[in-house]
Structure formats: structure tokens, C-alpha cells
């Protein structure tokens, strides 16, 4: 197999394959992060709450006995459960990204603003695709100039 400037065709193919795998892994990580739900329960078990990655409360269960609480106490219990759910969500995101080859620097920011993460990942992906395309075009140009 002919080589040019230290890169064989199989080197380029292997690089492209590895790059495609990394892009896929990053996309899967982004999807999995966006699907996380942090969950928490009040100490007395009367309030259960689920918090999605974008910060929306997706689950809220209030035991009928909790309705006997003063409204301020119930509100405080719900706020505390939502804070605990956020901590659970952040823990899940940290665990998920610890195993990823592209671990974000601040998981809390991702959990607070998944749209910003998605935009960053999209920009990273587009930039990488442009760079890869430019590199492959350069390799093709070099092959043509060398008569191969």
C-alpha cells in the first residue's frame, strides 16, 4: 500500500473510523444526560419528586397526609425535595461522565443548561467534521499531485 507523508490509506481509514466512534459516543452521552431524572423523597416519605435534566419537575407525589401540614411547611418540604433531586441528578451525571472519554468539566452546568451542552456538542461536531473534511481533501490533493 502506498504511503504519503507518513499516512497510509489504512491510517486515514482507521482515523476516520475512530473519529466516527467518538462522535457516536459523544452523541450517546448527550442523549443519556438529557434523559436523566433526579429523584428525592422527603424525610417522612410524604413528598416524592422527580427533576429532569432541563430543570423541570417531572414527577410530584404528595401523600394525602402531607396536606395536613401548614402551607409554608409543605412548600419548604417540596423545595428541599427539589434540591435533593437536583443533587441526585448531578450525581447521576457525574457517574455517567466518569466512564466517558469526553467528560465535561462541570457537570452541574450541564444539568442546569442541557441546551447549552447540546449547542456546544453540535459546534464541536461541526468543527470536527469540517476539520476532517479539510484533512481528507488535503490528502486527496496530495495523492493527485503525487500521481496516485
Protein backbone atom coordinates (compact mmCIF):
# COMPACT_ATOMS: atom_id res chain seq x y z
CA UNK A 1 0.00 0.00 0.00
CA UNK A 2 1.37 3.41 -0.97
CA UNK A 3 2.21 5.89 1.75
CA UNK A 4 2.33 9.66 1.56
CA UNK A 5 3.75 11.91 4.25
CA UNK A 6 3.64 9.12 6.79
CA UNK A 7 -0.07 8.34 6.37
CA UNK A 8 -1.24 5.26 4.56
CA UNK A 9 -4.77 4.85 3.29
CA UNK A 10 -5.39 2.41 6.13
CA UNK A 11 -4.16 5.06 8.63
CA UNK A 12 -6.71 7.53 7.28
CA UNK A 13 -9.45 4.88 7.32
CA UNK A 14 -8.61 3.91 10.90
CA UNK A 15 -8.60 7.56 11.94
CA UNK A 16 -11.97 8.14 10.26
CA UNK A 17 -13.43 5.03 11.91
CA UNK A 18 -12.15 6.01 15.35
CA UNK A 19 -13.45 9.53 14.86
CA UNK A 20 -16.89 8.24 13.89
CA UNK A 21 -16.92 6.08 17.04
CA UNK A 22 -16.02 9.06 19.23
CA UNK A 23 -18.72 11.21 17.63
CA UNK A 24 -21.25 8.43 18.23
CA UNK A 25 -20.16 8.03 21.85
CA UNK A 26 -20.48 11.78 22.39
CA UNK A 27 -23.95 11.83 20.86
CA UNK A 28 -24.99 8.89 23.04
CA UNK A 29 -23.63 10.63 26.14
CA UNK A 30 -25.54 13.78 25.27
CA UNK A 31 -28.75 11.76 24.85
CA UNK A 32 -28.24 9.84 28.08
CA UNK A 33 -27.54 13.06 30.01
CA UNK A 34 -30.71 14.65 28.68
CA UNK A 35 -32.76 11.61 29.77
CA UNK A 36 -31.61 11.63 33.39
CA UNK A 37 -34.14 12.25 36.16
CA UNK A 38 -33.03 13.12 39.68
CA UNK A 39 -35.34 11.79 42.36
CA UNK A 40 -35.78 12.58 46.02
CA UNK A 41 -38.16 11.91 48.86
CA UNK A 42 -38.85 13.92 51.98
CA UNK A 43 -37.62 12.51 55.28
CA UNK A 44 -41.12 11.45 56.25
CA UNK A 45 -41.81 9.98 52.80
CA UNK A 46 -44.84 12.18 52.20
CA UNK A 47 -43.36 14.08 49.25
CA UNK A 48 -41.59 12.47 46.27
CA UNK A 49 -40.18 14.49 43.41
CA UNK A 50 -38.50 13.89 40.04
CA UNK A 51 -36.41 16.56 38.32
CA UNK A 52 -35.47 16.37 34.63
CA UNK A 53 -32.10 17.48 33.28
CA UNK A 54 -33.57 20.75 31.97
CA UNK A 55 -34.75 21.58 35.49
CA UNK A 56 -38.45 20.81 35.09
CA UNK A 57 -40.28 18.91 37.81
CA UNK A 58 -41.48 15.79 36.01
CA UNK A 59 -42.81 13.84 38.96
CA UNK A 60 -44.51 15.06 42.10
CA UNK A 61 -46.30 12.83 44.56
CA UNK A 62 -47.82 14.32 47.67
CA UNK A 63 -49.20 11.89 50.21
CA UNK A 64 -52.67 12.98 51.41
CA UNK A 65 -51.30 13.16 54.98
CA UNK A 66 -48.94 15.94 53.82
CA UNK A 67 -51.98 18.11 53.12
CA UNK A 68 -52.40 18.46 56.88
CA UNK A 69 -49.10 20.33 57.03
CA UNK A 70 -49.07 24.12 57.14
CA UNK A 71 -48.68 25.52 53.63
CA UNK A 72 -45.28 27.05 54.45
CA UNK A 73 -44.05 23.71 55.82
CA UNK A 74 -45.31 21.83 52.75
CA UNK A 75 -43.69 24.38 50.45
CA UNK A 76 -40.40 24.05 52.35
CA UNK A 77 -40.61 20.25 52.08
CA UNK A 78 -41.16 20.46 48.31
CA UNK A 79 -38.27 22.91 47.88
CA UNK A 80 -35.97 20.64 49.93
CA UNK A 81 -37.04 17.61 47.87
CA UNK A 82 -36.30 19.52 44.65
CA UNK A 83 -32.83 20.46 45.95
CA UNK A 84 -32.19 16.83 46.87
CA UNK A 85 -33.43 15.74 43.43
CA UNK A 86 -31.00 18.18 41.81
CA UNK A 87 -28.15 16.67 43.84
CA UNK A 88 -29.25 13.20 42.73
CA UNK A 89 -29.36 14.38 39.12
CA UNK A 90 -25.86 15.85 39.39
CA UNK A 91 -24.58 12.61 40.97
CA UNK A 92 -26.04 10.57 38.12
CA UNK A 93 -24.48 12.89 35.55
CA UNK A 94 -21.07 12.66 37.25
CA UNK A 95 -21.27 8.87 37.31
CA UNK A 96 -22.27 8.80 33.66
CA UNK A 97 -19.48 11.11 32.55
CA UNK A 98 -16.79 9.44 34.66
CA UNK A 99 -16.93 6.48 32.29
CA UNK A 100 -17.00 8.65 29.16
CA UNK A 101 -13.85 9.53 27.28
CA UNK A 102 -15.16 13.09 26.87
CA UNK A 103 -16.03 14.10 30.43
CA UNK A 104 -17.42 17.60 30.86
CA UNK A 105 -15.56 19.87 33.24
CA UNK A 106 -18.62 20.95 35.19
CA UNK A 107 -21.49 18.50 35.31
CA UNK A 108 -23.64 20.94 37.31
CA UNK A 109 -23.64 23.39 34.38
CA UNK A 110 -24.74 20.64 32.01
CA UNK A 111 -27.58 19.65 34.28
CA UNK A 112 -28.69 23.28 34.62
CA UNK A 113 -28.46 24.06 30.91
CA UNK A 114 -28.64 20.99 28.64
CA UNK A 115 -29.42 23.19 25.63
CA UNK A 116 -26.05 24.90 26.06
CA UNK A 117 -24.38 21.48 26.17
CA UNK A 118 -26.25 20.42 23.07
CA UNK A 119 -25.16 23.60 21.27
CA UNK A 120 -21.53 23.08 22.35
CA UNK A 121 -21.62 19.46 21.24
CA UNK A 122 -23.15 20.44 17.90
CA UNK A 123 -20.46 23.09 17.38
CA UNK A 124 -17.74 20.63 18.35
CA UNK A 125 -19.17 18.03 15.99
CA UNK A 126 -19.47 20.52 13.11
CA UNK A 127 -15.95 21.82 13.68
CA UNK A 128 -14.57 18.33 13.77
CA UNK A 129 -16.43 17.36 10.58
CA UNK A 130 -15.03 20.45 8.83
CA UNK A 131 -11.50 19.65 10.00
CA UNK A 132 -11.84 16.02 8.95
CA UNK A 133 -13.23 17.05 5.56
CA UNK A 134 -10.38 19.52 5.08
CA UNK A 135 -7.84 16.86 6.06
CA UNK A 136 -9.31 14.31 3.67
CA UNK A 137 -9.41 16.90 0.88
CA UNK A 138 -5.76 17.71 1.52
CA UNK A 139 -4.91 14.01 1.43
CA UNK A 140 -6.76 13.64 -1.89
CA UNK A 141 -4.94 16.67 -3.29
CA UNK A 142 -1.61 15.22 -2.20
CA UNK A 143 -2.46 11.87 -3.80
CA UNK A 144 -3.36 13.59 -7.09
CA UNK A 145 -0.20 15.71 -7.06
CA UNK A 146 1.88 12.61 -6.45
CA UNK A 147 0.15 10.83 -9.33
CA UNK A 148 -1.57 8.18 -7.27
